[in-house]
Amino acid sequence: MTDTRHSPPADIARRDFMIAGAGAAAFAAGLAGPGTALAQAGSTPAPNLAKPGTILLERRGGVLLIGIDRPQAQNRFDAPMLIGLGKAYHRLDHEDELRVAVLYGVGRDFSLGIDREAFAAAQASGQLPPKDPDYINPVGLKPPYRSKPVVIAVHGGTKYLGHELFLAADIRVAANDTVFSQGEVARGVFPGGGATVRFAREAGWGNAMRYMLTGDEWGAADAYRLGLVQEMTAPGKELDRSLDLANKIAVAAPLGVRATLSSSRQALAVDEAVALAALQAEFGRLLQSQDAKEFQRALQAGRAPVYRGL
């Protein structure tokens, strides 16, 4: 298989989805502006945010491969990409022949979050929130929820919305060069895509707070130790291993697979649904705060932000 850090699999079919909206409050995790990643990555080249992204789709038997393809912008999501991912999840759920999806990223990074400017423009133009009936929220913030499993393959930068998508998947495979972050508190907001619920649930309270409250990054070995990563591979092998796992799921009894997911989620559903609904409203409030605006001013001025809790 072709290494997805450099190019998508040769036979992958490209498919662009039109903007249908994806409200900032609903998919607010990691509203990272272009300078944010540069501040973290040091010598990372400036992202080219002018070129729109694409969601790649390829069907292999019962497996749907879903590729995030905007490597020139470290796979930051613009609105069409996020809607495209939601439509891909809807297709997974509604085509009987599809049993499981594998989500991966093209280029050096899985995803460094979202393109804040693109989302703001889409919202201002009235294209948000999404109204498409053939759409499933990719981080599962509200119904309809997908009923078929997703295996995720990550590498490089997996931050903000990228990490939210990682947490929302069912089985997680990471290359050992993966760098994770859920550091929105250093940017005047907080994780708005479910990490405050899922990270603490899966890694334990103290482990999740260790990273979400400090804004520190962590690597694949730490994620494996915390139980967030099920399998770790050499760089470039994460997609192959994810496909191996997905192929095993694809040949299993489909009713049994869906019932397993459904039954497992029922124990979490009530408390999680309430928490996820509440965080969307809270993120929208924080996004309008003076601290959030201070982060953007500091970013533009090249200085450290000074937060005042306003």
Protein backbone atom coordinates (compact mmCIF):
# COMPACT_ATOMS: atom_id res chain seq x y z
CA MET A 1 0.00 0.00 0.00
CA THR A 2 1.19 3.51 -0.78
CA ASP A 3 2.43 5.53 2.19
CA THR A 4 -0.34 8.05 2.86
CA ARG A 5 2.11 10.62 4.23
CA HIS A 6 3.02 11.51 0.68
CA SER A 7 0.09 10.57 -1.52
CA PRO A 8 -3.26 8.78 -1.30
CA PRO A 9 -3.54 5.16 -2.45
CA ALA A 10 -3.24 5.13 -6.24
CA ASP A 11 -6.71 3.75 -6.90
CA ILE A 12 -8.53 5.97 -4.43
CA ALA A 13 -11.47 7.85 -5.90
CA ARG A 14 -11.62 11.58 -5.10
CA ARG A 15 -14.89 13.17 -4.17
CA ASP A 16 -15.52 16.77 -3.19
CA PHE A 17 -18.57 17.66 -1.15
CA MET A 18 -20.26 21.02 -1.38
CA ILE A 19 -20.45 23.22 1.70
CA ALA A 20 -23.59 22.55 3.64
CA GLY A 21 -22.39 23.99 6.90
CA ALA A 22 -20.93 22.62 10.09
CA GLY A 23 -21.57 25.14 12.84
CA ALA A 24 -18.60 26.22 14.90
CA ALA A 25 -20.45 25.42 18.10
CA ALA A 26 -21.12 21.87 16.99
CA PHE A 27 -17.62 21.16 15.67
CA ALA A 28 -15.68 23.62 17.71
CA ALA A 29 -12.92 21.35 18.90
CA GLY A 30 -9.54 22.88 18.10
CA LEU A 31 -10.32 26.14 16.34
CA ALA A 32 -6.68 26.46 15.49
CA GLY A 33 -5.72 29.39 13.34
CA PRO A 34 -2.80 29.03 10.92
CA GLY A 35 -0.34 30.54 13.36
CA THR A 36 -1.22 28.10 16.11
CA ALA A 37 0.34 25.12 14.40
CA LEU A 38 3.39 27.17 13.45
CA ALA A 39 3.93 28.17 17.06
CA GLN A 40 3.86 24.50 18.05
CA ALA A 41 5.77 23.08 15.12
CA GLY A 42 8.64 25.55 15.01
CA SER A 43 10.14 25.04 11.56
CA THR A 44 6.95 23.69 9.98
CA PRO A 45 6.33 25.44 6.63
CA ALA A 46 3.53 27.98 6.53
CA PRO A 47 0.27 26.21 5.63
CA ASN A 48 -1.42 27.01 2.35
CA LEU A 49 -4.98 27.65 3.44
CA ALA A 50 -6.06 29.02 0.07
CA LYS A 51 -6.47 25.59 -1.51
CA PRO A 52 -9.63 23.75 -0.38
CA GLY A 53 -9.50 20.24 0.96
CA THR A 54 -11.01 16.99 -0.22
CA ILE A 55 -12.45 13.89 1.36
CA LEU A 56 -11.22 10.79 -0.46
CA LEU A 57 -13.46 7.74 -0.65
CA GLU A 58 -12.61 4.22 -1.75
CA ARG A 59 -14.63 1.08 -1.25
CA ARG A 60 -12.76 -2.20 -0.73
CA GLY A 61 -15.33 -4.91 -0.30
CA GLY A 62 -17.10 -4.17 2.96
CA VAL A 63 -14.55 -1.54 3.99
CA LEU A 64 -14.94 2.18 3.23
CA LEU A 65 -11.62 4.04 3.23
CA ILE A 66 -12.05 7.72 4.10
CA GLY A 67 -9.07 10.01 3.52
CA ILE A 68 -8.52 13.54 4.82
CA ASP A 69 -6.72 15.26 1.95
CA ARG A 70 -5.46 18.79 2.58
CA PRO A 71 -1.78 18.16 3.33
CA GLN A 72 -0.70 21.66 2.27
CA ALA A 73 -2.64 22.93 5.31
CA GLN A 74 -1.68 20.08 7.67
CA ASN A 75 -5.15 18.62 6.97
CA ARG A 76 -6.97 21.42 8.76
CA PHE A 77 -10.66 21.00 8.03
CA ASP A 78 -12.58 23.54 6.01
CA ALA A 79 -16.38 23.34 5.95
CA PRO A 80 -16.68 21.15 2.81
CA MET A 81 -14.27 18.62 4.27
CA LEU A 82 -16.14 18.32 7.53
CA ILE A 83 -19.45 18.00 5.73
CA GLY A 84 -17.83 15.48 3.40
CA LEU A 85 -16.76 13.40 6.36
CA GLY A 86 -20.28 13.53 7.79
CA LYS A 87 -21.68 12.41 4.46
CA ALA A 88 -19.16 9.58 4.29
CA TYR A 89 -20.30 8.37 7.71
CA HIS A 90 -23.91 8.54 6.52
CA ARG A 91 -23.00 6.46 3.47
CA LEU A 92 -21.28 3.92 5.74
CA ASP A 93 -24.41 3.62 7.86
CA HIS A 94 -26.90 3.37 5.00
CA GLU A 95 -25.21 1.10 2.44
CA ASP A 96 -25.77 -2.49 3.49
CA GLU A 97 -22.65 -3.71 1.69
CA LEU A 98 -20.43 -1.47 3.83
CA ARG A 99 -19.54 -2.93 7.22
CA VAL A 100 -16.77 -0.68 8.61
CA ALA A 101 -14.77 2.46 7.76
CA VAL A 102 -11.09 3.31 8.05
CA LEU A 103 -10.29 7.01 8.54
CA TYR A 104 -6.77 8.25 7.73
CA GLY A 105 -4.92 11.42 6.75
CA VAL A 106 -2.80 12.21 3.69
CA GLY A 107 0.58 13.91 4.13
CA ARG A 108 2.81 14.57 7.16
CA ASP A 109 -0.03 14.95 9.66
CA PHE A 110 -3.36 13.31 10.38
CA SER A 111 -5.00 16.68 11.17
CA LEU A 112 -4.11 19.84 13.07
CA GLY A 113 -7.72 20.83 13.70
CA ILE A 114 -9.88 23.17 11.67
CA ASP A 115 -9.30 26.20 9.48
CA ARG A 116 -10.82 28.85 11.70
CA GLU A 117 -11.04 31.54 9.04
CA ALA A 118 -12.80 29.24 6.58
CA PHE A 119 -15.35 28.25 9.19
CA ALA A 120 -16.00 31.84 10.21
CA ALA A 121 -16.60 32.79 6.57
CA ALA A 122 -18.93 29.86 6.01
CA GLN A 123 -20.92 30.75 9.10
CA ALA A 124 -21.13 34.42 8.14
CA SER A 125 -22.40 33.50 4.68
CA GLY A 126 -25.30 31.55 6.16
CA GLN A 127 -24.02 28.16 5.01
CA LEU A 128 -23.91 26.92 8.58
CA PRO A 129 -25.23 24.89 10.35
CA PRO A 130 -25.64 21.84 8.11
CA LYS A 131 -29.10 21.03 6.83
CA ASP A 132 -28.25 17.95 4.78
CA PRO A 133 -30.36 14.90 5.62
CA ASP A 134 -27.52 12.60 4.48
CA TYR A 135 -25.14 13.74 7.21
CA ILE A 136 -23.89 12.26 10.49
CA ASN A 137 -22.00 14.44 12.97
CA PRO A 138 -18.40 13.13 12.73
CA VAL A 139 -17.68 13.53 16.44
CA GLY A 140 -21.10 12.28 17.54
CA LEU A 141 -22.31 15.41 19.29
CA LYS A 142 -25.94 14.89 18.35
CA PRO A 143 -28.16 12.38 16.54
CA PRO A 144 -28.30 10.69 14.18
CA TYR A 145 -25.35 8.62 15.42
CA ARG A 146 -23.51 6.12 13.26
CA SER A 147 -24.21 2.47 14.00
CA LYS A 148 -21.21 0.90 12.24
CA PRO A 149 -17.62 0.92 13.48
CA VAL A 150 -14.77 3.23 12.48
CA VAL A 151 -11.11 2.25 12.73
CA ILE A 152 -8.80 5.27 12.72
CA ALA A 153 -5.16 5.41 11.56
CA VAL A 154 -3.21 8.44 12.79
CA HIS A 155 0.32 9.76 12.40
CA GLY A 156 2.21 13.02 12.79
CA GLY A 157 0.20 15.90 14.24
CA THR A 158 -3.15 14.71 15.61
CA LYS A 159 -4.46 17.74 17.42
CA TYR A 160 -7.65 19.55 18.43
CA LEU A 161 -10.40 18.34 16.06
CA GLY A 162 -7.95 15.69 14.82
CA HIS A 163 -7.77 14.28 18.34
CA GLU A 164 -11.54 14.63 18.80
CA LEU A 165 -12.06 12.45 15.70
CA PHE A 166 -9.50 10.02 17.12
CA LEU A 167 -11.40 9.76 20.43
CA ALA A 168 -14.74 9.37 18.63
CA ALA A 169 -13.49 6.32 16.67
CA ASP A 170 -14.00 2.76 17.90
CA ILE A 171 -10.53 1.26 17.34
CA ARG A 172 -7.40 3.44 17.21
CA VAL A 173 -4.09 2.69 15.53
CA ALA A 174 -1.21 5.18 15.77
CA ALA A 175 2.22 5.41 14.18
CA ASN A 176 4.91 5.87 16.80
CA ASP A 177 5.67 9.35 15.45
CA THR A 178 2.21 10.66 16.36
CA VAL A 179 2.02 13.84 18.45
CA PHE A 180 -1.30 14.51 20.18
CA SER A 181 -2.72 17.70 21.62
CA GLN A 182 -5.98 18.84 23.17
CA GLY A 183 -4.66 22.20 24.35
CA GLU A 184 -7.53 24.57 23.66
CA VAL A 185 -7.17 26.15 27.13
CA ALA A 186 -3.99 27.81 25.88
CA ARG A 187 -6.08 29.39 23.11
CA GLY A 188 -8.83 30.96 25.14
CA VAL A 189 -11.45 28.21 24.71
CA PHE A 190 -11.86 24.53 25.66
CA PRO A 191 -12.33 21.23 23.79
CA GLY A 192 -15.75 21.48 22.15
CA GLY A 193 -15.98 18.19 20.26
CA GLY A 194 -16.37 15.68 23.07
CA ALA A 195 -12.87 15.30 24.52
CA THR A 196 -13.94 16.57 27.94
CA VAL A 197 -16.23 13.54 28.08
CA ARG A 198 -14.31 10.87 26.17
CA PHE A 199 -10.72 11.63 27.20
CA ALA A 200 -11.55 11.55 30.90
CA ARG A 201 -13.69 8.44 30.47
CA GLU A 202 -11.07 6.43 28.62
CA ALA A 203 -7.76 7.59 30.11
CA GLY A 204 -8.94 8.42 33.63
CA TRP A 205 -9.64 11.79 35.19
CA GLY A 206 -6.12 12.74 36.26
CA ASN A 207 -4.52 11.60 33.00
CA ALA A 208 -6.97 13.61 30.90
CA MET A 209 -6.69 16.72 33.06
CA ARG A 210 -2.89 16.44 32.96
CA TYR A 211 -2.97 17.28 29.26
CA MET A 212 -6.19 19.23 28.77
CA LEU A 213 -5.51 21.68 31.62
CA THR A 214 -1.84 22.29 30.76
CA GLY A 215 -2.08 22.27 26.97
CA ASP A 216 0.98 19.96 26.84
CA GLU A 217 1.45 17.58 23.92
CA TRP A 218 1.98 13.83 24.29
CA GLY A 219 3.22 11.04 22.05
CA ALA A 220 2.01 7.69 20.82
CA ALA A 221 3.77 5.75 23.58
CA ASP A 222 1.95 7.78 26.24
CA ALA A 223 -1.36 7.35 24.40
CA TYR A 224 -0.78 3.59 24.27
CA ARG A 225 0.05 3.54 27.98
CA LEU A 226 -3.15 5.44 28.75
CA GLY A 227 -5.26 3.00 26.72
CA LEU A 228 -6.20 5.55 24.04
CA VAL A 229 -4.27 3.67 21.34
CA GLN A 230 -5.03 0.01 20.77
CA GLU A 231 -2.10 -0.68 18.44
CA MET A 232 1.11 1.21 17.67
CA THR A 233 3.10 0.75 14.45
CA ALA A 234 6.18 2.01 12.68
CA PRO A 235 5.57 5.20 10.66
CA GLY A 236 3.83 4.43 7.39
CA LYS A 237 2.36 1.13 8.62
CA GLU A 238 -0.65 2.46 10.55
CA LEU A 239 -3.03 2.37 7.59
CA ASP A 240 -2.08 -1.20 6.66
CA ARG A 241 -2.68 -2.36 10.22
CA SER A 242 -6.00 -0.51 10.40
CA LEU A 243 -7.10 -2.22 7.20
CA ASP A 244 -6.16 -5.60 8.67
CA LEU A 245 -8.44 -4.94 11.63
CA ALA A 246 -11.22 -3.53 9.45
CA ASN A 247 -11.14 -6.58 7.18
CA LYS A 248 -11.69 -8.82 10.21
CA ILE A 249 -14.70 -6.73 11.21
CA ALA A 250 -16.03 -6.74 7.64
CA VAL A 251 -16.29 -10.54 7.55
CA ALA A 252 -17.90 -10.81 10.98
CA ALA A 253 -21.68 -11.06 11.38
CA PRO A 254 -22.97 -7.53 10.60
CA LEU A 255 -25.97 -7.71 12.92
CA GLY A 256 -23.70 -8.87 15.72
CA VAL A 257 -21.22 -6.04 15.09
CA ARG A 258 -23.93 -3.38 15.18
CA ALA A 259 -25.56 -4.91 18.24
CA THR A 260 -22.19 -4.97 20.02
CA LEU A 261 -21.69 -1.26 19.35
CA SER A 262 -25.24 -0.42 20.33
CA SER A 263 -25.18 -2.44 23.53
CA SER A 264 -21.81 -1.05 24.57
CA ARG A 265 -22.97 2.51 24.02
CA GLN A 266 -26.21 2.13 25.94
CA ALA A 267 -24.37 2.04 29.25
CA LEU A 268 -22.83 5.43 28.45
CA ALA A 269 -25.60 7.03 26.44
CA VAL A 270 -27.63 9.01 28.98
CA ASP A 271 -24.83 10.80 30.83
CA GLU A 272 -22.76 11.26 27.68
CA ALA A 273 -25.61 12.76 25.66
CA VAL A 274 -26.32 15.32 28.38
CA ALA A 275 -22.65 16.26 28.68
CA LEU A 276 -22.11 16.57 24.93
CA ALA A 277 -25.17 18.75 24.50
CA ALA A 278 -24.03 21.07 27.28
CA LEU A 279 -20.51 21.52 25.98
CA GLN A 280 -21.69 22.86 22.61
CA ALA A 281 -23.45 25.80 24.25
CA GLU A 282 -20.49 26.44 26.54
CA PHE A 283 -18.01 26.42 23.68
CA GLY A 284 -20.10 28.96 21.78
CA ARG A 285 -20.07 31.21 24.84
CA LEU A 286 -16.29 30.93 25.31
CA LEU A 287 -15.67 31.58 21.65
CA GLN A 288 -17.09 35.07 22.15
CA SER A 289 -15.08 35.74 25.32
CA GLN A 290 -12.36 38.35 25.67
CA ASP A 291 -9.85 35.58 26.38
CA ALA A 292 -10.56 33.94 23.02
CA LYS A 293 -10.12 37.30 21.31
CA GLU A 294 -6.94 37.92 23.29
CA PHE A 295 -5.44 34.72 21.89
CA GLN A 296 -6.00 35.93 18.34
CA ARG A 297 -4.56 39.39 19.13
CA ALA A 298 -1.50 37.81 20.73
CA LEU A 299 -1.06 35.44 17.80
CA GLN A 300 -1.06 38.33 15.33
CA ALA A 301 1.31 40.37 17.49
CA GLY A 302 3.70 37.47 18.06
CA ARG A 303 3.47 37.66 21.85
CA ALA A 304 2.24 35.45 24.68
CA PRO A 305 -1.48 35.93 25.46
CA VAL A 306 -2.49 37.40 28.80
CA TYR A 307 -5.78 35.87 29.92
CA ARG A 308 -8.02 37.68 32.40
CA GLY A 309 -10.96 35.32 32.70
CA LEU A 310 -13.31 37.64 30.84
